[in-house]
C-alpha atoms as a PDB file:
ATOM      1  CA  MET A   1     -57.956 273.410  22.596  1.00  0.00           C
ATOM      2  CA  ALA A   2     -59.809 271.268  21.074  1.00  0.00           C
ATOM      3  CA  ASN A   3     -61.236 272.974  17.676  1.00  0.00           C
ATOM      4  CA  GLN A   4     -64.759 273.000  15.281  1.00  0.00           C
ATOM      5  CA  SER A   5     -63.169 270.208  13.298  1.00  0.00           C
ATOM      6  CA  GLU A   6     -62.665 267.838  16.670  1.00  0.00           C
ATOM      7  CA  LEU A   7     -65.362 268.686  17.994  1.00  0.00           C
ATOM      8  CA  ASP A   8     -67.918 267.780  14.804  1.00  0.00           C
ATOM      9  CA  ASP A   9     -66.090 264.470  14.768  1.00  0.00           C
ATOM     10  CA  HIS A  10     -67.212 263.028  18.344  1.00  0.00           C
ATOM     11  CA  TYR A  11     -70.315 265.458  18.432  1.00  0.00           C
ATOM     12  CA  THR A  12     -72.123 266.340  14.767  1.00  0.00           C
ATOM     13  CA  ARG A  13     -71.001 263.347  13.040  1.00  0.00           C
ATOM     14  CA  MET A  14     -73.180 261.301  15.165  1.00  0.00           C
ATOM     15  CA  ASP A  15     -75.855 264.022  15.510  1.00  0.00           C
ATOM     16  CA  LYS A  16     -79.120 262.282  15.232  1.00  0.00           C
ATOM     17  CA  ILE A  17     -77.792 258.994  16.849  1.00  0.00           C
ATOM     18  CA  PHE A  18     -77.329 260.918  20.080  1.00  0.00           C
ATOM     19  CA  ARG A  19     -80.798 262.775  19.498  1.00  0.00           C
ATOM     20  CA  LEU A  20     -82.592 259.740  18.204  1.00  0.00           C
ATOM     21  CA  SER A  21     -81.197 257.907  21.707  1.00  0.00           C
ATOM     22  CA  LEU A  22     -81.505 260.694  24.468  1.00  0.00           C
ATOM     23  CA  GLY A  23     -83.685 262.829  23.089  1.00  0.00           C
ATOM     24  CA  GLU A  24     -83.680 266.153  20.971  1.00  0.00           C
ATOM     25  CA  LYS A  25     -82.455 267.721  23.981  1.00  0.00           C
ATOM     26  CA  GLY A  26     -80.347 265.325  24.961  1.00  0.00           C
ATOM     27  CA  ALA A  27     -78.897 265.288  28.351  1.00  0.00           C
ATOM     28  CA  TYR A  28     -74.821 264.002  27.103  1.00  0.00           C
ATOM     29  CA  SER A  29     -72.888 265.140  30.601  1.00  0.00           C
ATOM     30  CA  CYS A  30     -72.542 263.421  33.396  1.00  0.00           C
ATOM     31  CA  ALA A  31     -75.164 262.078  35.452  1.00  0.00           C
ATOM     32  CA  ARG A  32     -76.250 262.380  39.169  1.00  0.00           C
ATOM     33  CA  PHE A  33     -77.174 259.430  41.047  1.00  0.00           C
ATOM     34  CA  ASP A  34     -74.995 259.673  44.353  1.00  0.00           C
ATOM     35  CA  GLY A  35     -74.859 256.155  44.919  1.00  0.00           C
ATOM     36  CA  ASP A  36     -79.114 255.095  44.105  1.00  0.00           C
ATOM     37  CA  PHE A  37     -78.823 253.232  40.682  1.00  0.00           C
ATOM     38  CA  SER A  38     -82.133 252.538  40.843  1.00  0.00           C
ATOM     39  CA  MET A  39     -83.060 256.033  39.893  1.00  0.00           C
ATOM     40  CA  THR A  40     -84.006 256.304  36.262  1.00  0.00           C
ATOM     41  CA  THR A  41     -80.994 258.431  34.088  1.00  0.00           C
ATOM     42  CA  GLU A  42     -84.084 261.508  33.272  1.00  0.00           C
ATOM     43  CA  ALA A  43     -83.981 261.551  37.473  1.00  0.00           C
ATOM     44  CA  ALA A  44     -80.321 261.649  37.993  1.00  0.00           C
ATOM     45  CA  GLN A  45     -80.280 264.251  34.720  1.00  0.00           C
ATOM     46  CA  LEU A  46     -82.890 265.904  37.159  1.00  0.00           C
ATOM     47  CA  LYS A  47     -80.807 265.724  40.239  1.00  0.00           C
ATOM     48  CA  LYS A  48     -78.046 267.171  39.091  1.00  0.00           C
ATOM     49  CA  TYR A  49     -79.913 270.355  37.566  1.00  0.00           C
ATOM     50  CA  GLN A  50     -81.191 270.706  40.767  1.00  0.00           C
ATOM     51  CA  PHE A  51     -77.842 270.539  42.464  1.00  0.00           C
ATOM     52  CA  ILE A  52     -76.790 273.226  40.231  1.00  0.00           C
ATOM     53  CA  GLU A  53     -79.736 275.792  40.924  1.00  0.00           C
ATOM     54  CA  GLU A  54     -79.480 275.048  44.704  1.00  0.00           C
ATOM     55  CA  GLY A  55     -75.727 275.369  44.515  1.00  0.00           C
ATOM     56  CA  CYS A  56     -75.579 279.293  42.109  1.00  0.00           C
ATOM     57  CA  LYS A  57     -78.478 279.767  43.449  1.00  0.00           C
ATOM     58  CA  ILE A  58     -80.423 280.093  39.955  1.00  0.00           C
ATOM     59  CA  LYS A  59     -83.802 280.740  39.853  1.00  0.00           C
ATOM     60  CA  LYS A  60     -86.637 283.219  38.019  1.00  0.00           C
ATOM     61  CA  GLY A  61     -84.793 286.252  36.477  1.00  0.00           C
ATOM     62  CA  THR A  62     -81.429 284.540  36.739  1.00  0.00           C
ATOM     63  CA  LYS A  63     -79.043 285.580  34.083  1.00  0.00           C
ATOM     64  CA  MET A  64     -76.920 282.387  33.622  1.00  0.00           C
ATOM     65  CA  LEU A  65     -74.204 281.295  31.231  1.00  0.00           C
ATOM     66  CA  ASP A  66     -73.654 277.240  30.170  1.00  0.00           C
ATOM     67  CA  ILE A  67     -70.615 276.775  27.968  1.00  0.00           C
ATOM     68  CA  GLY A  68     -70.748 273.898  26.053  1.00  0.00           C
ATOM     69  CA  CYS A  69     -74.135 273.499  26.699  1.00  0.00           C
ATOM     70  CA  GLY A  70     -74.320 270.499  23.965  1.00  0.00           C
ATOM     71  CA  TRP A  71     -78.316 269.993  23.046  1.00  0.00           C
ATOM     72  CA  GLY A  72     -78.882 272.746  25.254  1.00  0.00           C
ATOM     73  CA  HIS A  73     -80.952 270.655  27.355  1.00  0.00           C
ATOM     74  CA  PHE A  74     -80.099 272.417  30.601  1.00  0.00           C
ATOM     75  CA  VAL A  75     -80.910 275.150  28.662  1.00  0.00           C
ATOM     76  CA  ASP A  76     -84.229 274.594  27.951  1.00  0.00           C
ATOM     77  CA  TYR A  77     -84.306 273.079  31.467  1.00  0.00           C
ATOM     78  CA  LEU A  78     -84.069 276.698  32.982  1.00  0.00           C
ATOM     79  CA  THR A  79     -85.729 278.907  30.108  1.00  0.00           C
ATOM     80  CA  LYS A  80     -89.043 277.240  31.003  1.00  0.00           C
ATOM     81  CA  LYS A  81     -88.480 277.738  34.485  1.00  0.00           C
ATOM     82  CA  GLY A  82     -88.163 281.455  33.611  1.00  0.00           C
ATOM     83  CA  VAL A  83     -84.220 281.698  34.015  1.00  0.00           C
ATOM     84  CA  ASP A  84     -82.268 283.856  31.400  1.00  0.00           C
ATOM     85  CA  ALA A  85     -80.917 281.250  29.786  1.00  0.00           C
ATOM     86  CA  HIS A  86     -77.780 281.540  27.141  1.00  0.00           C
ATOM     87  CA  GLY A  87     -75.232 278.859  25.337  1.00  0.00           C
ATOM     88  CA  VAL A  88     -72.621 279.117  24.141  1.00  0.00           C
ATOM     89  CA  VAL A  89     -71.422 275.822  21.794  1.00  0.00           C
ATOM     90  CA  LEU A  90     -68.688 275.093  19.235  1.00  0.00           C
ATOM     91  CA  ALA A  91     -70.074 271.578  17.394  1.00  0.00           C
ATOM     92  CA  LYS A  92     -72.398 272.594  14.156  1.00  0.00           C
ATOM     93  CA  GLY A  93     -74.481 269.895  14.720  1.00  0.00           C
ATOM     94  CA  GLN A  94     -75.250 271.154  18.008  1.00  0.00           C
ATOM     95  CA  ALA A  95     -75.275 274.386  17.460  1.00  0.00           C
ATOM     96  CA  ASP A  96     -77.768 274.126  14.670  1.00  0.00           C
ATOM     97  CA  ALA A  97     -80.046 271.867  16.646  1.00  0.00           C
ATOM     98  CA  CYS A  98     -80.540 274.505  20.124  1.00  0.00           C
ATOM     99  CA  ILE A  99     -80.989 276.849  17.902  1.00  0.00           C
ATOM    100  CA  LYS A 100     -83.977 275.150  15.548  1.00  0.00           C
ATOM    101  CA  ASN A 101     -85.822 274.514  18.902  1.00  0.00           C
ATOM    102  CA  GLY A 102     -85.895 278.353  19.748  1.00  0.00           C
ATOM    103  CA  LEU A 103     -82.979 278.011  22.387  1.00  0.00           C
ATOM    104  CA  LYS A 104     -80.808 281.778  22.943  1.00  0.00           C
ATOM    105  CA  VAL A 105     -77.632 279.698  21.886  1.00  0.00           C
ATOM    106  CA  LYS A 106     -74.769 281.269  19.494  1.00  0.00           C
ATOM    107  CA  HIS A 107     -72.876 279.337  17.727  1.00  0.00           C
ATOM    108  CA  MET A 108     -69.108 280.167  18.881  1.00  0.00           C
ATOM    109  CA  ASP A 109     -65.459 279.196  20.371  1.00  0.00           C
ATOM    110  CA  SER A 110     -65.829 279.634  24.030  1.00  0.00           C
ATOM    111  CA  LYS A 111     -62.343 281.345  24.090  1.00  0.00           C
ATOM    112  CA  LEU A 112     -63.739 284.401  22.669  1.00  0.00           C
ATOM    113  CA  ILE A 113     -66.762 284.959  25.181  1.00  0.00           C
ATOM    114  CA  THR A 114     -65.999 288.293  27.353  1.00  0.00           C
ATOM    115  CA  PRO A 115     -68.129 290.670  28.697  1.00  0.00           C
ATOM    116  CA  GLU A 116     -69.403 292.374  26.134  1.00  0.00           C
ATOM    117  CA  THR A 117     -70.803 289.263  24.146  1.00  0.00           C
ATOM    118  CA  PHE A 118     -73.604 288.690  26.400  1.00  0.00           C
ATOM    119  CA  GLY A 119     -73.037 291.580  28.932  1.00  0.00           C
ATOM    120  CA  LYS A 120     -72.476 289.697  33.090  1.00  0.00           C
ATOM    121  CA  PHE A 121     -74.055 287.012  34.109  1.00  0.00           C
ATOM    122  CA  ASP A 122     -74.989 286.044  37.924  1.00  0.00           C
ATOM    123  CA  ALA A 123     -74.344 282.477  37.159  1.00  0.00           C
ATOM    124  CA  VAL A 124     -72.105 280.312  34.746  1.00  0.00           C
ATOM    125  CA  THR A 125     -71.808 276.903  34.183  1.00  0.00           C
ATOM    126  CA  ALA A 126     -69.385 274.054  32.347  1.00  0.00           C
ATOM    127  CA  MET A 127     -70.930 270.504  31.779  1.00  0.00           C
ATOM    128  CA  GLY A 128     -67.879 268.268  30.234  1.00  0.00           C
ATOM    129  CA  SER A 129     -66.202 271.732  28.272  1.00  0.00           C
ATOM    130  CA  PRO A 130     -63.618 272.289  30.581  1.00  0.00           C
ATOM    131  CA  GLU A 131     -62.440 268.720  29.296  1.00  0.00           C
ATOM    132  CA  HIS A 132     -61.518 270.522  26.092  1.00  0.00           C
ATOM    133  CA  LEU A 133     -59.505 273.743  26.596  1.00  0.00           C
ATOM    134  CA  CYS A 134     -55.665 272.098  26.463  1.00  0.00           C
ATOM    135  CA  SER A 135     -55.273 269.840  23.384  1.00  0.00           C
ATOM    136  CA  VAL A 136     -51.514 267.708  23.265  1.00  0.00           C
ATOM    137  CA  GLU A 137     -49.822 269.612  21.405  1.00  0.00           C
ATOM    138  CA  GLN A 138     -50.289 272.487  23.983  1.00  0.00           C
ATOM    139  CA  TYR A 139     -49.105 269.958  26.857  1.00  0.00           C
ATOM    140  CA  ARG A 140     -46.239 269.233  25.169  1.00  0.00           C
ATOM    141  CA  GLU A 141     -45.681 273.099  24.643  1.00  0.00           C
ATOM    142  CA  GLY A 142     -45.936 273.110  28.496  1.00  0.00           C
ATOM    143  CA  LYS A 143     -48.998 275.223  28.768  1.00  0.00           C
ATOM    144  CA  GLN A 144     -51.916 273.511  29.997  1.00  0.00           C
ATOM    145  CA  GLU A 145     -51.512 276.069  33.504  1.00  0.00           C
ATOM    146  CA  MET A 146     -51.598 278.610  31.361  1.00  0.00           C
ATOM    147  CA  ILE A 147     -54.344 278.103  29.720  1.00  0.00           C
ATOM    148  CA  TYR A 148     -56.442 277.049  32.512  1.00  0.00           C
ATOM    149  CA  ASN A 149     -55.328 280.359  34.507  1.00  0.00           C
ATOM    150  CA  THR A 150     -56.898 282.647  31.869  1.00  0.00           C
ATOM    151  CA  TYR A 151     -60.158 280.752  31.329  1.00  0.00           C
ATOM    152  CA  PHE A 152     -60.685 281.169  34.938  1.00  0.00           C
ATOM    153  CA  LYS A 153     -59.740 284.819  35.169  1.00  0.00           C
ATOM    154  CA  GLN A 154     -62.184 284.410  31.384  1.00  0.00           C
ATOM    155  CA  VAL A 155     -64.936 283.110  33.922  1.00  0.00           C
ATOM    156  CA  ALA A 156     -64.254 285.292  36.426  1.00  0.00           C
ATOM    157  CA  ASP A 157     -64.504 288.934  33.899  1.00  0.00           C
ATOM    158  CA  LEU A 158     -68.575 287.301  33.154  1.00  0.00           C
ATOM    159  CA  LEU A 159     -69.049 287.452  36.646  1.00  0.00           C
ATOM    160  CA  PRO A 160     -70.005 289.978  39.918  1.00  0.00           C
ATOM    161  CA  ILE A 161     -68.328 289.519  43.065  1.00  0.00           C
ATOM    162  CA  GLY A 162     -70.709 286.815  44.613  1.00  0.00           C
ATOM    163  CA  GLY A 163     -71.554 285.231  41.677  1.00  0.00           C
ATOM    164  CA  ARG A 164     -71.365 281.316  41.288  1.00  0.00           C
ATOM    165  CA  TYR A 165     -69.934 279.093  38.281  1.00  0.00           C
ATOM    166  CA  TYR A 166     -70.226 275.544  38.426  1.00  0.00           C
ATOM    167  CA  CYS A 167     -67.483 273.104  36.728  1.00  0.00           C
ATOM    168  CA  GLN A 168     -67.950 269.192  35.731  1.00  0.00           C
ATOM    169  CA  SER A 169     -65.151 267.740  34.356  1.00  0.00           C
ATOM    170  CA  MET A 170     -63.377 264.880  34.129  1.00  0.00           C
ATOM    171  CA  VAL A 171     -59.552 265.065  35.604  1.00  0.00           C
ATOM    172  CA  PHE A 172     -56.566 262.269  35.372  1.00  0.00           C
ATOM    173  CA  GLY A 173     -56.836 260.191  38.474  1.00  0.00           C
ATOM    174  CA  PRO A 174     -54.709 258.364  40.641  1.00  0.00           C
ATOM    175  CA  LYS A 175     -53.583 256.064  38.100  1.00  0.00           C
ATOM    176  CA  MET A 176     -53.365 258.017  34.803  1.00  0.00           C
ATOM    177  CA  VAL A 177     -50.260 256.785  33.336  1.00  0.00           C
ATOM    178  CA  LYS A 178     -46.966 259.128  32.256  1.00  0.00           C
ATOM    179  CA  PHE A 179     -47.381 260.836  29.714  1.00  0.00           C
ATOM    180  CA  GLU A 180     -43.768 259.680  27.614  1.00  0.00           C
ATOM    181  CA  ASP A 181     -45.001 256.099  27.602  1.00  0.00           C
ATOM    182  CA  ILE A 182     -48.307 257.412  25.544  1.00  0.00           C
ATOM    183  CA  LYS A 183     -47.157 255.842  21.441  1.00  0.00           C
ATOM    184  CA  PHE A 184     -50.434 258.328  20.121  1.00  0.00           C
ATOM    185  CA  GLY A 185     -51.504 256.682  16.971  1.00  0.00           C
ATOM    186  CA  GLN A 186     -50.077 253.527  17.352  1.00  0.00           C
ATOM    187  CA  THR A 187     -52.259 250.895  19.364  1.00  0.00           C
ATOM    188  CA  ASP A 188     -53.963 248.233  17.144  1.00  0.00           C
ATOM    189  CA  LEU A 189     -57.446 248.278  17.400  1.00  0.00           C
ATOM    190  CA  TRP A 190     -58.703 245.223  17.229  1.00  0.00           C
ATOM    191  CA  LYS A 191     -57.315 243.236  19.960  1.00  0.00           C
ATOM    192  CA  LYS A 192     -59.151 241.885  22.896  1.00  0.00           C
ATOM    193  CA  GLU A 193     -57.354 243.539  25.886  1.00  0.00           C
ATOM    194  CA  PHE A 194     -55.475 247.623  26.389  1.00  0.00           C
ATOM    195  CA  THR A 195     -53.125 248.491  28.332  1.00  0.00           C
ATOM    196  CA  ASP A 196     -53.523 252.031  30.193  1.00  0.00           C
ATOM    197  CA  GLU A 197     -51.088 253.262  28.552  1.00  0.00           C
ATOM    198  CA  GLU A 198     -52.892 252.452  24.800  1.00  0.00           C
ATOM    199  CA  LEU A 199     -56.227 252.750  26.129  1.00  0.00           C
ATOM    200  CA  MET A 200     -54.865 256.660  26.660  1.00  0.00           C
ATOM    201  CA  ASP A 201     -53.988 256.758  22.701  1.00  0.00           C
ATOM    202  CA  ILE A 202     -56.964 255.762  21.783  1.00  0.00           C
ATOM    203  CA  ILE A 203     -58.999 258.227  24.465  1.00  0.00           C
ATOM    204  CA  CYS A 204     -56.582 260.791  22.958  1.00  0.00           C
ATOM    205  CA  GLU A 205     -58.247 259.973  18.842  1.00  0.00           C
ATOM    206  CA  VAL A 206     -62.054 259.601  20.821  1.00  0.00           C
ATOM    207  CA  PHE A 207     -61.242 263.014  21.549  1.00  0.00           C
ATOM    208  CA  PRO A 208     -59.220 264.958  19.824  1.00  0.00           C
ATOM    209  CA  GLY A 209     -57.739 268.219  20.851  1.00  0.00           C
ATOM    210  CA  SER A 210     -58.167 267.106  24.260  1.00  0.00           C
ATOM    211  CA  TRP A 211     -55.730 267.069  27.208  1.00  0.00           C
ATOM    212  CA  LEU A 212     -57.285 266.796  30.865  1.00  0.00           C
ATOM    213  CA  PRO A 213     -56.474 268.520  34.245  1.00  0.00           C
ATOM    214  CA  TYR A 214     -54.806 266.577  36.524  1.00  0.00           C
ATOM    215  CA  GLY A 215     -56.595 265.820  39.315  1.00  0.00           C
ATOM    216  CA  LYS A 216     -59.178 267.982  40.668  1.00  0.00           C
ATOM    217  CA  GLU A 217     -56.183 269.864  41.404  1.00  0.00           C
ATOM    218  CA  GLY A 218     -56.091 271.350  38.190  1.00  0.00           C
ATOM    219  CA  LEU A 219     -59.138 273.214  38.151  1.00  0.00           C
ATOM    220  CA  ILE A 220     -59.307 274.308  41.927  1.00  0.00           C
ATOM    221  CA  ASN A 221     -55.408 275.940  41.509  1.00  0.00           C
ATOM    222  CA  PRO A 222     -55.762 277.926  38.549  1.00  0.00           C
ATOM    223  CA  ALA A 223     -59.179 278.931  39.887  1.00  0.00           C
ATOM    224  CA  SER A 224     -58.082 280.007  43.434  1.00  0.00           C
ATOM    225  CA  LYS A 225     -56.969 284.110  42.640  1.00  0.00           C
ATOM    226  CA  TYR A 226     -60.577 284.479  42.066  1.00  0.00           C
ATOM    227  CA  PHE A 227     -62.641 281.905  43.096  1.00  0.00           C
ATOM    228  CA  LYS A 228     -63.067 279.607  46.474  1.00  0.00           C
ATOM    229  CA  VAL A 229     -64.376 276.329  46.339  1.00  0.00           C
ATOM    230  CA  VAL A 230     -67.904 276.028  47.470  1.00  0.00           C
ATOM    231  CA  SER A 231     -68.752 272.491  47.250  1.00  0.00           C
ATOM    232  CA  VAL A 232     -66.744 269.503  45.587  1.00  0.00           C
ATOM    233  CA  ASP A 233     -67.399 265.675  45.069  1.00  0.00           C
ATOM    234  CA  SER A 234     -66.028 262.935  42.736  1.00  0.00           C
ATOM    235  CA  GLY A 235     -68.636 261.773  40.025  1.00  0.00           C
ATOM    236  CA  ARG A 236     -66.147 259.009  39.411  1.00  0.00           C
ATOM    237  CA  LEU A 237     -69.419 256.533  40.196  1.00  0.00           C
ATOM    238  CA  ASP A 238     -71.969 257.852  38.534  1.00  0.00           C
ATOM    239  CA  TYR A 239     -70.178 258.646  35.121  1.00  0.00           C
ATOM    240  CA  ILE A 240     -69.599 254.630  35.342  1.00  0.00           C
ATOM    241  CA  GLU A 241     -73.392 254.893  35.499  1.00  0.00           C
ATOM    242  CA  THR A 242     -74.671 257.292  32.780  1.00  0.00           C
ATOM    243  CA  ILE A 243     -72.126 255.235  29.950  1.00  0.00           C
ATOM    244  CA  HIS A 244     -73.821 251.903  30.572  1.00  0.00           C
ATOM    245  CA  ARG A 245     -77.359 253.604  30.306  1.00  0.00           C
ATOM    246  CA  TRP A 246     -75.850 255.323  27.472  1.00  0.00           C
ATOM    247  CA  THR A 247     -74.756 252.796  25.819  1.00  0.00           C
ATOM    248  CA  ALA A 248     -77.809 251.479  26.106  1.00  0.00           C
ATOM    249  CA  ALA A 249     -79.826 254.159  24.260  1.00  0.00           C
ATOM    250  CA  PHE A 250     -77.453 253.999  21.680  1.00  0.00           C
ATOM    251  CA  THR A 251     -78.240 250.626  21.214  1.00  0.00           C
ATOM    252  CA  ALA A 252     -81.888 250.751  21.665  1.00  0.00           C
ATOM    253  CA  PHE A 253     -84.246 249.873  18.827  1.00  0.00           C
ATOM    254  CA  ASN A 254     -85.859 252.649  16.986  1.00  0.00           C
ATOM    255  CA  LEU A 255     -86.436 252.398  13.109  1.00  0.00           C
ATOM    256  CA  GLN A 256     -85.331 255.641  11.952  1.00  0.00           C
ATOM    257  CA  LYS A 257     -82.193 255.051  14.312  1.00  0.00           C
ATOM    258  CA  TYR A 258     -81.176 251.807  12.649  1.00  0.00           C
ATOM    259  CA  LEU A 259     -82.284 253.493   9.227  1.00  0.00           C
ATOM    260  CA  LEU A 260     -79.227 256.037   9.648  1.00  0.00           C
ATOM    261  CA  PHE A 261     -76.563 252.849  11.285  1.00  0.00           C
ATOM    262  CA  ALA A 262     -77.252 251.350   7.663  1.00  0.00           C
ATOM    263  CA  SER A 263     -76.325 253.937   6.137  1.00  0.00           C
ATOM    264  CA  PHE A 264     -72.936 254.219   7.477  1.00  0.00           C
ATOM    265  CA  VAL A 265     -72.187 250.233   5.806  1.00  0.00           C
ATOM    266  CA  PRO A 266     -70.812 251.727   2.629  1.00  0.00           C
ATOM    267  CA  ASP A 267     -68.709 253.654   4.488  1.00  0.00           C
ATOM    268  CA  TYR A 268     -67.353 250.963   7.165  1.00  0.00           C
ATOM    269  CA  LEU A 269     -66.902 248.294   4.029  1.00  0.00           C
ATOM    270  CA  PHE A 270     -64.721 251.010   2.108  1.00  0.00           C
ATOM    271  CA  ASP A 271     -63.568 253.719   4.282  1.00  0.00           C
ATOM    272  CA  LYS A 272     -60.518 252.718   6.714  1.00  0.00           C
ATOM    273  CA  THR A 273     -60.403 255.959   8.614  1.00  0.00           C
ATOM    274  CA  PHE A 274     -64.593 255.288   9.536  1.00  0.00           C
ATOM    275  CA  ARG A 275     -64.060 251.872   9.773  1.00  0.00           C
ATOM    276  CA  ARG A 276     -61.626 252.893  12.675  1.00  0.00           C
ATOM    277  CA  TRP A 277     -63.584 255.712  14.156  1.00  0.00           C
ATOM    278  CA  MET A 278     -66.207 253.048  15.015  1.00  0.00           C
ATOM    279  CA  ARG A 279     -64.095 250.716  16.406  1.00  0.00           C
ATOM    280  CA  ARG A 280     -62.768 253.143  18.834  1.00  0.00           C
ATOM    281  CA  PHE A 281     -66.549 253.591  19.802  1.00  0.00           C
ATOM    282  CA  LYS A 282     -67.085 249.782  20.583  1.00  0.00           C
ATOM    283  CA  ILE A 283     -63.913 249.443  22.192  1.00  0.00           C
ATOM    284  CA  GLN A 284     -65.629 252.272  24.957  1.00  0.00           C
ATOM    285  CA  ALA A 285     -62.310 253.287  25.693  1.00  0.00           C
ATOM    286  CA  ASN A 286     -64.274 255.850  28.123  1.00  0.00           C
ATOM    287  CA  LEU A 287     -65.633 253.606  30.443  1.00  0.00           C
ATOM    288  CA  HIS A 288     -62.197 251.994  31.078  1.00  0.00           C
ATOM    289  CA  VAL A 289     -59.885 254.686  31.931  1.00  0.00           C
ATOM    290  CA  PHE A 290     -63.049 255.202  34.714  1.00  0.00           C
ATOM    291  CA  THR A 291     -63.090 251.892  35.663  1.00  0.00           C
ATOM    292  CA  ARG A 292     -59.027 251.748  36.106  1.00  0.00           C
ATOM    293  CA  GLU A 293     -59.316 255.303  37.534  1.00  0.00           C
ATOM    294  CA  ILE A 294     -57.012 256.292  35.076  1.00  0.00           C
ATOM    295  CA  PHE A 295     -59.671 259.306  34.828  1.00  0.00           C
ATOM    296  CA  GLU A 296     -61.537 260.755  37.757  1.00  0.00           C
ATOM    297  CA  HIS A 297     -64.765 263.389  37.611  1.00  0.00           C
ATOM    298  CA  TYR A 298     -65.454 266.236  39.928  1.00  0.00           C
ATOM    299  CA  ARG A 299     -68.357 268.430  40.373  1.00  0.00           C
ATOM    300  CA  ILE A 300     -67.730 271.620  41.972  1.00  0.00           C
ATOM    301  CA  VAL A 301     -69.348 275.052  42.604  1.00  0.00           C
ATOM    302  CA  PHE A 302     -66.940 277.844  43.088  1.00  0.00           C
ATOM    303  CA  GLU A 303     -68.040 281.285  43.987  1.00  0.00           C
ATOM    304  CA  LYS A 304     -66.123 284.446  42.227  1.00  0.00           C
ATOM    305  CA  VAL A 305     -64.090 286.478  45.515  1.00  0.00           C
ATOM    306  CA  SER A 306     -62.214 289.022  43.665  1.00  0.00           C
ATOM    307  CA  ASP A 307     -61.526 290.501  40.802  1.00  0.00           C
END
């Protein structure tokens, strides 16, 4: 599983820039356009939340948990509607922002959550966090199946029979490359064109400590002991559109944000590691893996049927 240091590398280092681009409680997970790309990003995020509310039967008074809640956008949205909304997040910058904004969010490793941590919930959601459960090293050691079996048992323990869990996650798609063909840490980032295998190497640097499930089956199969599938659909095209929207938001002019960009100049000039870190974002490997169908994205509503 990705550890705090690895998540901080991606989410905390540019925390202020993310929030200045996406909002104080920025929604940093795939929006739901359902093919209507004339919608604003905000409308598409709202559509996603309404889908989750309906799918998980969330209403005023419902007790729910958002695992990997980011900057707390969904927790805040539900709290304002009278839901008893809780969140957990491992990246320190995100946790601090949530707590500062008065949300019921705990800074902790989600794999440590038990029914004793908060009690049980009527609904659980996870938008993106299931992507960080298994590391490359753990996959290499043959532990991925065990990790996801353990995860779904953990989620099931937090819910009553009939309780629902919304899982939104990237997975490996139909054109995923062979693991043994990826030369980890060897890609020349200053090239103009990249092979599928090189894009996978770059992605593993962007999201260190994370190795995805294989297809929607990589989520549905380990969940099947405890859950039935209520609905499942692909969000791959929505994710491509969301990435384009995020890119535009990150580069849009804001004086405070551009002063923060300027503060990185000394690091960029004198720190080779930082220069490589910034180059990874410019390449936009996360976009290319979706357009090439190396990655897929699924939105699944589960209902607990057994303990």
